[in-house]
Amino acid sequence: MAEPFETTVVGSMPKPPWLYNQVPLDTKGFDHHGAGSDWLLSGEALQNAQDDAVRLAVYDQETAGVRIISDGEQRRKTYLTYVTSRLGGFDYETLAEKWIRDGRRLAQVGRCTGPVEWFSPIVVNALRFLLTNTTSPVKVTLPGPMTVI
């Protein structure tokens, strides 16, 4: 019998409704970079809820037979801004308009306003937590430069 081939998820797993206030993509006045959507908890309660959401995402992937496990991006408001919002040189207070999706959608996006600076590890703690919750191979996703411009 042939060995199973490697499988993994692409993109974020759905966040539980008790964790995150989801705003539909087509809601007027909001965009898909996180504006209008927000965590339903804060502080230690948010951290504990995100931990639980990661455990559920791991369970769902393992139950489905996924071989390379992610945290489902349960700690991220959005894939696009999670990294850049933790770097210096980006402004998410004064947003700019940008056409995206081959000109099909006008989005409000953050701006690069100065040299990009790194202050501290961005995904290390999430990776450590993931490794303590599965024995499977794992991955952590990061957007590349073309994704965030």
N, C-alpha and C. Protein backbone atom coordinates (compact mmCIF):
# COMPACT_ATOMS: atom_id res chain seq x y z
N MET A 1 0.84 -1.18 0.00
CA MET A 1 0.00 0.00 0.00
C MET A 1 0.88 1.25 0.00
N ALA A 2 0.52 2.22 -0.79
CA ALA A 2 1.28 3.45 -0.89
C ALA A 2 1.15 4.27 0.38
N GLU A 3 2.21 5.01 0.68
CA GLU A 3 2.17 5.92 1.83
C GLU A 3 1.20 7.07 1.54
N PRO A 4 0.50 7.56 2.56
CA PRO A 4 -0.37 8.73 2.35
C PRO A 4 0.47 9.94 1.94
N PHE A 5 -0.10 10.80 1.12
CA PHE A 5 0.64 11.99 0.73
C PHE A 5 0.40 13.10 1.76
N GLU A 6 1.32 14.06 1.79
CA GLU A 6 1.24 15.14 2.76
C GLU A 6 0.07 16.07 2.44
N THR A 7 -0.68 16.44 3.46
CA THR A 7 -1.79 17.38 3.31
C THR A 7 -1.68 18.47 4.37
N THR A 8 -2.19 19.63 4.05
CA THR A 8 -2.23 20.74 4.99
C THR A 8 -3.38 21.65 4.60
N VAL A 9 -3.72 22.57 5.46
CA VAL A 9 -4.75 23.55 5.13
C VAL A 9 -4.10 24.77 4.48
N VAL A 10 -4.87 25.46 3.68
CA VAL A 10 -4.41 26.71 3.08
C VAL A 10 -5.35 27.80 3.56
N GLY A 11 -4.81 28.82 4.19
CA GLY A 11 -5.64 29.91 4.70
C GLY A 11 -6.07 29.67 6.14
N SER A 12 -6.88 30.57 6.62
CA SER A 12 -7.34 30.52 8.00
C SER A 12 -8.48 29.53 8.17
N MET A 13 -8.51 28.88 9.30
CA MET A 13 -9.67 28.08 9.68
C MET A 13 -10.70 29.05 10.26
N PRO A 14 -11.99 28.74 10.16
CA PRO A 14 -13.00 29.65 10.73
C PRO A 14 -12.79 29.84 12.23
N LYS A 15 -12.95 31.07 12.68
CA LYS A 15 -12.84 31.35 14.11
C LYS A 15 -14.19 31.04 14.77
N PRO A 16 -14.15 30.48 15.97
CA PRO A 16 -15.41 30.20 16.68
C PRO A 16 -16.19 31.50 16.94
N PRO A 17 -17.51 31.43 16.94
CA PRO A 17 -18.31 32.65 17.14
C PRO A 17 -18.14 33.27 18.53
N TRP A 18 -17.66 32.52 19.49
CA TRP A 18 -17.43 33.06 20.83
C TRP A 18 -16.08 33.77 20.96
N LEU A 19 -15.29 33.76 19.88
CA LEU A 19 -13.96 34.36 19.91
C LEU A 19 -13.91 35.69 19.17
N TYR A 20 -14.60 35.78 18.04
CA TYR A 20 -14.36 36.88 17.12
C TYR A 20 -15.66 37.35 16.49
N ASN A 21 -15.85 38.66 16.44
CA ASN A 21 -17.01 39.27 15.79
C ASN A 21 -16.74 39.37 14.30
N GLN A 22 -17.31 38.46 13.54
CA GLN A 22 -17.09 38.42 12.10
C GLN A 22 -17.97 39.46 11.40
N VAL A 23 -17.39 40.20 10.48
CA VAL A 23 -18.14 41.12 9.64
C VAL A 23 -18.06 40.60 8.21
N PRO A 24 -19.20 40.36 7.55
CA PRO A 24 -19.16 39.84 6.17
C PRO A 24 -18.35 40.75 5.25
N LEU A 25 -17.65 40.15 4.28
CA LEU A 25 -16.78 40.91 3.38
C LEU A 25 -17.50 42.01 2.63
N ASP A 26 -18.78 41.84 2.34
CA ASP A 26 -19.49 42.83 1.54
C ASP A 26 -20.21 43.88 2.38
N THR A 27 -19.90 43.98 3.67
CA THR A 27 -20.52 44.97 4.53
C THR A 27 -20.00 46.36 4.18
N LYS A 28 -20.90 47.29 3.87
CA LYS A 28 -20.48 48.65 3.52
C LYS A 28 -19.74 49.29 4.69
N GLY A 29 -18.66 50.00 4.36
CA GLY A 29 -17.89 50.71 5.37
C GLY A 29 -16.82 49.88 6.05
N PHE A 30 -16.74 48.62 5.71
CA PHE A 30 -15.72 47.76 6.31
C PHE A 30 -14.89 47.12 5.20
N ASP A 31 -13.74 46.63 5.55
CA ASP A 31 -12.91 45.96 4.57
C ASP A 31 -12.40 44.65 5.13
N HIS A 32 -11.69 43.89 4.32
CA HIS A 32 -11.24 42.58 4.76
C HIS A 32 -9.90 42.62 5.49
N HIS A 33 -9.43 43.80 5.85
CA HIS A 33 -8.19 43.90 6.60
C HIS A 33 -8.44 44.02 8.10
N GLY A 34 -9.65 43.73 8.54
CA GLY A 34 -9.93 43.70 9.96
C GLY A 34 -10.76 44.85 10.48
N ALA A 35 -10.99 45.88 9.67
CA ALA A 35 -11.78 47.01 10.15
C ALA A 35 -13.21 46.56 10.44
N GLY A 36 -13.67 46.84 11.65
CA GLY A 36 -15.04 46.47 12.01
C GLY A 36 -15.14 45.13 12.69
N SER A 37 -14.25 44.22 12.38
CA SER A 37 -14.22 42.92 13.05
C SER A 37 -13.31 43.05 14.26
N ASP A 38 -13.66 42.37 15.34
CA ASP A 38 -12.79 42.48 16.51
C ASP A 38 -13.00 41.29 17.43
N TRP A 39 -12.04 41.13 18.34
CA TRP A 39 -12.12 40.09 19.35
C TRP A 39 -13.28 40.38 20.28
N LEU A 40 -13.93 39.36 20.77
CA LEU A 40 -15.04 39.51 21.70
C LEU A 40 -14.58 39.54 23.15
N LEU A 41 -13.32 39.25 23.38
CA LEU A 41 -12.75 39.21 24.72
C LEU A 41 -11.48 40.05 24.74
N SER A 42 -10.91 40.23 25.91
CA SER A 42 -9.64 40.95 26.00
C SER A 42 -8.79 40.35 27.11
N GLY A 43 -7.54 40.78 27.15
CA GLY A 43 -6.64 40.37 28.21
C GLY A 43 -6.44 38.87 28.30
N GLU A 44 -6.39 38.38 29.54
CA GLU A 44 -6.16 36.95 29.78
C GLU A 44 -7.29 36.08 29.23
N ALA A 45 -8.52 36.59 29.29
CA ALA A 45 -9.65 35.83 28.75
C ALA A 45 -9.49 35.62 27.25
N LEU A 46 -9.00 36.63 26.54
CA LEU A 46 -8.75 36.49 25.10
C LEU A 46 -7.66 35.46 24.86
N GLN A 47 -6.57 35.54 25.60
CA GLN A 47 -5.47 34.58 25.44
C GLN A 47 -5.97 33.14 25.66
N ASN A 48 -6.74 32.93 26.71
CA ASN A 48 -7.27 31.59 26.99
C ASN A 48 -8.22 31.13 25.90
N ALA A 49 -9.05 32.04 25.40
CA ALA A 49 -9.99 31.68 24.33
C ALA A 49 -9.25 31.36 23.04
N GLN A 50 -8.21 32.12 22.72
CA GLN A 50 -7.41 31.82 21.53
C GLN A 50 -6.72 30.47 21.68
N ASP A 51 -6.22 30.17 22.87
CA ASP A 51 -5.62 28.85 23.11
C ASP A 51 -6.64 27.75 22.83
N ASP A 52 -7.86 27.92 23.34
CA ASP A 52 -8.92 26.93 23.10
C ASP A 52 -9.24 26.82 21.62
N ALA A 53 -9.29 27.95 20.92
CA ALA A 53 -9.59 27.94 19.49
C ALA A 53 -8.49 27.22 18.71
N VAL A 54 -7.24 27.39 19.11
CA VAL A 54 -6.13 26.68 18.47
C VAL A 54 -6.28 25.18 18.71
N ARG A 55 -6.59 24.80 19.94
CA ARG A 55 -6.78 23.37 20.24
C ARG A 55 -7.89 22.77 19.37
N LEU A 56 -8.98 23.52 19.19
CA LEU A 56 -10.07 23.04 18.33
C LEU A 56 -9.62 22.93 16.87
N ALA A 57 -8.86 23.91 16.40
CA ALA A 57 -8.37 23.87 15.01
C ALA A 57 -7.44 22.67 14.81
N VAL A 58 -6.58 22.41 15.78
CA VAL A 58 -5.69 21.25 15.70
C VAL A 58 -6.52 19.96 15.68
N TYR A 59 -7.48 19.86 16.57
CA TYR A 59 -8.35 18.68 16.62
C TYR A 59 -9.06 18.46 15.29
N ASP A 60 -9.63 19.53 14.74
CA ASP A 60 -10.34 19.41 13.46
C ASP A 60 -9.42 18.91 12.35
N GLN A 61 -8.21 19.44 12.29
CA GLN A 61 -7.27 19.02 11.25
C GLN A 61 -6.84 17.57 11.43
N GLU A 62 -6.51 17.21 12.67
CA GLU A 62 -6.08 15.83 12.91
C GLU A 62 -7.22 14.85 12.64
N THR A 63 -8.43 15.19 13.03
CA THR A 63 -9.58 14.33 12.79
C THR A 63 -9.84 14.15 11.30
N ALA A 64 -9.57 15.19 10.53
CA ALA A 64 -9.78 15.14 9.07
C ALA A 64 -8.63 14.44 8.35
N GLY A 65 -7.58 14.09 9.07
CA GLY A 65 -6.45 13.41 8.45
C GLY A 65 -5.41 14.34 7.85
N VAL A 66 -5.48 15.62 8.17
CA VAL A 66 -4.47 16.56 7.70
C VAL A 66 -3.15 16.19 8.36
N ARG A 67 -2.08 16.17 7.56
CA ARG A 67 -0.79 15.68 8.07
C ARG A 67 0.13 16.77 8.58
N ILE A 68 0.06 17.97 8.02
CA ILE A 68 0.88 19.10 8.48
C ILE A 68 -0.08 20.11 9.10
N ILE A 69 0.05 20.31 10.40
CA ILE A 69 -0.94 21.04 11.19
C ILE A 69 -0.55 22.50 11.36
N SER A 70 -1.56 23.37 11.28
CA SER A 70 -1.35 24.79 11.59
C SER A 70 -2.22 25.16 12.79
N ASP A 71 -2.03 26.36 13.30
CA ASP A 71 -2.89 26.81 14.41
C ASP A 71 -4.20 27.39 13.91
N GLY A 72 -4.44 27.28 12.60
CA GLY A 72 -5.68 27.80 12.03
C GLY A 72 -5.74 29.31 11.99
N GLU A 73 -4.62 29.95 12.34
CA GLU A 73 -4.54 31.42 12.41
C GLU A 73 -5.58 31.98 13.38
N GLN A 74 -5.78 31.27 14.48
CA GLN A 74 -6.79 31.66 15.46
C GLN A 74 -6.40 32.89 16.28
N ARG A 75 -5.13 33.28 16.24
CA ARG A 75 -4.68 34.45 17.00
C ARG A 75 -4.60 35.70 16.12
N ARG A 76 -4.97 35.58 14.86
CA ARG A 76 -4.83 36.68 13.92
C ARG A 76 -6.18 37.26 13.54
N LYS A 77 -6.28 38.59 13.61
CA LYS A 77 -7.49 39.23 13.07
C LYS A 77 -7.52 39.01 11.56
N THR A 78 -6.39 39.22 10.92
CA THR A 78 -6.29 38.99 9.48
C THR A 78 -4.91 38.45 9.16
N TYR A 79 -4.84 37.68 8.10
CA TYR A 79 -3.56 37.17 7.62
C TYR A 79 -2.67 38.30 7.12
N LEU A 80 -3.28 39.26 6.43
CA LEU A 80 -2.50 40.30 5.75
C LEU A 80 -1.80 41.25 6.70
N THR A 81 -2.40 41.57 7.84
CA THR A 81 -1.82 42.60 8.69
C THR A 81 -1.20 42.07 9.98
N TYR A 82 -1.30 40.80 10.24
CA TYR A 82 -0.79 40.27 11.51
C TYR A 82 0.69 40.57 11.69
N VAL A 83 1.48 40.35 10.66
CA VAL A 83 2.92 40.58 10.76
C VAL A 83 3.24 42.06 10.71
N THR A 84 2.73 42.77 9.70
CA THR A 84 3.11 44.17 9.53
C THR A 84 2.63 45.06 10.67
N SER A 85 1.55 44.70 11.33
CA SER A 85 1.08 45.51 12.46
C SER A 85 1.98 45.33 13.68
N ARG A 86 2.90 44.40 13.63
CA ARG A 86 3.84 44.17 14.72
C ARG A 86 5.26 44.63 14.36
N LEU A 87 5.37 45.33 13.26
CA LEU A 87 6.64 45.89 12.81
C LEU A 87 6.56 47.41 12.86
N GLY A 88 7.70 48.05 13.00
CA GLY A 88 7.74 49.50 12.88
C GLY A 88 7.70 49.90 11.42
N GLY A 89 7.22 51.11 11.15
CA GLY A 89 7.20 51.63 9.79
C GLY A 89 5.86 51.47 9.10
N PHE A 90 4.86 50.91 9.78
CA PHE A 90 3.53 50.75 9.19
C PHE A 90 2.52 51.53 10.02
N ASP A 91 1.57 52.17 9.34
CA ASP A 91 0.53 52.96 9.99
C ASP A 91 -0.83 52.35 9.66
N TYR A 92 -1.54 51.91 10.69
CA TYR A 92 -2.88 51.37 10.51
C TYR A 92 -3.94 52.28 11.12
N GLU A 93 -3.54 53.47 11.53
CA GLU A 93 -4.49 54.46 12.04
C GLU A 93 -5.02 55.34 10.90
N THR A 94 -4.12 55.78 10.02
CA THR A 94 -4.49 56.60 8.87
C THR A 94 -4.43 55.71 7.64
N LEU A 95 -5.57 55.15 7.27
CA LEU A 95 -5.61 54.17 6.19
C LEU A 95 -5.63 54.85 4.83
N ALA A 96 -5.21 54.11 3.82
CA ALA A 96 -5.23 54.58 2.43
C ALA A 96 -6.14 53.67 1.63
N GLU A 97 -6.69 54.21 0.55
CA GLU A 97 -7.52 53.39 -0.34
C GLU A 97 -6.62 52.71 -1.37
N LYS A 98 -6.93 51.45 -1.65
CA LYS A 98 -6.16 50.70 -2.64
C LYS A 98 -7.10 49.74 -3.36
N TRP A 99 -7.00 49.72 -4.68
CA TRP A 99 -7.76 48.74 -5.45
C TRP A 99 -7.06 47.39 -5.33
N ILE A 100 -7.82 46.36 -5.02
CA ILE A 100 -7.27 45.02 -4.87
C ILE A 100 -8.08 44.05 -5.71
N ARG A 101 -7.66 42.80 -5.70
CA ARG A 101 -8.37 41.74 -6.43
C ARG A 101 -8.56 42.12 -7.90
N ASP A 102 -7.44 42.51 -8.53
CA ASP A 102 -7.46 42.90 -9.95
C ASP A 102 -8.46 44.01 -10.23
N GLY A 103 -8.54 44.98 -9.32
CA GLY A 103 -9.40 46.14 -9.53
C GLY A 103 -10.87 45.91 -9.23
N ARG A 104 -11.20 44.79 -8.62
CA ARG A 104 -12.60 44.49 -8.34
C ARG A 104 -13.08 45.05 -7.01
N ARG A 105 -12.17 45.45 -6.14
CA ARG A 105 -12.56 45.87 -4.80
C ARG A 105 -11.66 47.00 -4.33
N LEU A 106 -12.26 48.03 -3.75
CA LEU A 106 -11.52 49.12 -3.15
C LEU A 106 -11.45 48.86 -1.64
N ALA A 107 -10.24 48.77 -1.12
CA ALA A 107 -10.05 48.44 0.30
C ALA A 107 -9.34 49.58 1.01
N GLN A 108 -9.59 49.68 2.30
CA GLN A 108 -8.85 50.58 3.17
C GLN A 108 -7.68 49.78 3.74
N VAL A 109 -6.47 50.25 3.49
CA VAL A 109 -5.29 49.48 3.87
C VAL A 109 -4.32 50.34 4.67
N GLY A 110 -3.47 49.67 5.43
CA GLY A 110 -2.42 50.35 6.15
C GLY A 110 -1.38 50.89 5.17
N ARG A 111 -0.54 51.77 5.69
CA ARG A 111 0.48 52.38 4.84
C ARG A 111 1.86 52.14 5.43
N CYS A 112 2.84 51.97 4.55
CA CYS A 112 4.24 51.93 4.98
C CYS A 112 4.71 53.38 5.02
N THR A 113 5.08 53.85 6.21
CA THR A 113 5.41 55.26 6.40
C THR A 113 6.87 55.51 6.75
N GLY A 114 7.66 54.47 6.84
CA GLY A 114 9.06 54.64 7.20
C GLY A 114 9.80 53.34 7.07
N PRO A 115 11.04 53.32 7.50
CA PRO A 115 11.81 52.07 7.43
C PRO A 115 11.11 50.96 8.22
N VAL A 116 11.12 49.77 7.67
CA VAL A 116 10.53 48.62 8.36
C VAL A 116 11.48 48.19 9.47
N GLU A 117 10.94 48.09 10.68
CA GLU A 117 11.76 47.72 11.83
C GLU A 117 11.16 46.52 12.55
N TRP A 118 12.03 45.63 12.98
CA TRP A 118 11.63 44.45 13.74
C TRP A 118 11.97 44.70 15.20
N PHE A 119 11.01 44.44 16.09
CA PHE A 119 11.22 44.70 17.51
C PHE A 119 11.37 43.43 18.34
N SER A 120 10.59 42.40 18.00
CA SER A 120 10.62 41.17 18.79
C SER A 120 10.01 40.04 17.97
N PRO A 121 10.22 38.79 18.39
CA PRO A 121 9.64 37.66 17.65
C PRO A 121 8.13 37.83 17.48
N ILE A 122 7.63 37.45 16.31
CA ILE A 122 6.22 37.68 15.98
C ILE A 122 5.39 36.41 16.10
N VAL A 123 5.92 35.28 15.68
CA VAL A 123 5.12 34.04 15.69
C VAL A 123 5.72 32.94 16.56
N VAL A 124 6.79 33.23 17.27
CA VAL A 124 7.47 32.19 18.06
C VAL A 124 6.57 31.60 19.13
N ASN A 125 5.86 32.43 19.88
CA ASN A 125 5.00 31.91 20.95
C ASN A 125 3.86 31.08 20.38
N ALA A 126 3.30 31.52 19.25
CA ALA A 126 2.23 30.74 18.61
C ALA A 126 2.76 29.38 18.16
N LEU A 127 3.97 29.36 17.62
CA LEU A 127 4.59 28.10 17.19
C LEU A 127 4.83 27.19 18.39
N ARG A 128 5.35 27.74 19.46
CA ARG A 128 5.60 26.92 20.66
C ARG A 128 4.31 26.30 21.19
N PHE A 129 3.24 27.10 21.23
CA PHE A 129 1.96 26.57 21.71
C PHE A 129 1.46 25.47 20.79
N LEU A 130 1.57 25.68 19.49
CA LEU A 130 1.13 24.67 18.52
C LEU A 130 1.90 23.37 18.73
N LEU A 131 3.21 23.46 18.92
CA LEU A 131 4.04 22.26 19.10
C LEU A 131 3.66 21.49 20.36
N THR A 132 3.13 22.17 21.37
CA THR A 132 2.72 21.46 22.60
C THR A 132 1.36 20.81 22.46
N ASN A 133 0.67 21.07 21.34
CA ASN A 133 -0.69 20.55 21.18
C ASN A 133 -0.85 19.56 20.04
N THR A 134 0.26 19.13 19.45
CA THR A 134 0.20 18.10 18.42
C THR A 134 1.55 17.40 18.33
N THR A 135 1.52 16.16 17.90
CA THR A 135 2.76 15.44 17.62
C THR A 135 3.03 15.39 16.12
N SER A 136 2.14 15.96 15.34
CA SER A 136 2.29 15.99 13.88
C SER A 136 3.27 17.08 13.47
N PRO A 137 3.79 17.01 12.24
CA PRO A 137 4.57 18.14 11.72
C PRO A 137 3.68 19.38 11.69
N VAL A 138 4.28 20.55 11.87
CA VAL A 138 3.50 21.79 11.92
C VAL A 138 4.04 22.81 10.93
N LYS A 139 3.22 23.83 10.69
CA LYS A 139 3.64 24.97 9.89
C LYS A 139 3.05 26.24 10.49
N VAL A 140 3.73 27.35 10.26
CA VAL A 140 3.22 28.67 10.60
C VAL A 140 3.30 29.49 9.33
N THR A 141 2.22 30.16 8.97
CA THR A 141 2.19 30.90 7.72
C THR A 141 2.57 32.36 7.93
N LEU A 142 3.24 32.91 6.92
CA LEU A 142 3.62 34.32 6.91
C LEU A 142 3.36 34.89 5.53
N PRO A 143 2.80 36.09 5.43
CA PRO A 143 2.61 36.69 4.11
C PRO A 143 3.94 37.19 3.57
N GLY A 144 4.11 37.07 2.28
CA GLY A 144 5.30 37.60 1.63
C GLY A 144 5.12 39.06 1.28
N PRO A 145 6.19 39.72 0.86
CA PRO A 145 6.11 41.16 0.54
C PRO A 145 5.04 41.51 -0.48
N MET A 146 4.84 40.70 -1.51
CA MET A 146 3.84 41.03 -2.52
C MET A 146 2.42 40.96 -1.97
N THR A 147 2.23 40.22 -0.90
CA THR A 147 0.90 40.09 -0.30
C THR A 147 0.54 41.33 0.51
N VAL A 148 1.52 41.96 1.12
CA VAL A 148 1.21 43.06 2.04
C VAL A 148 1.32 44.44 1.40
N ILE A 149 1.71 44.52 0.12
CA ILE A 149 1.80 45.85 -0.49
C ILE A 149 0.53 46.20 -1.24
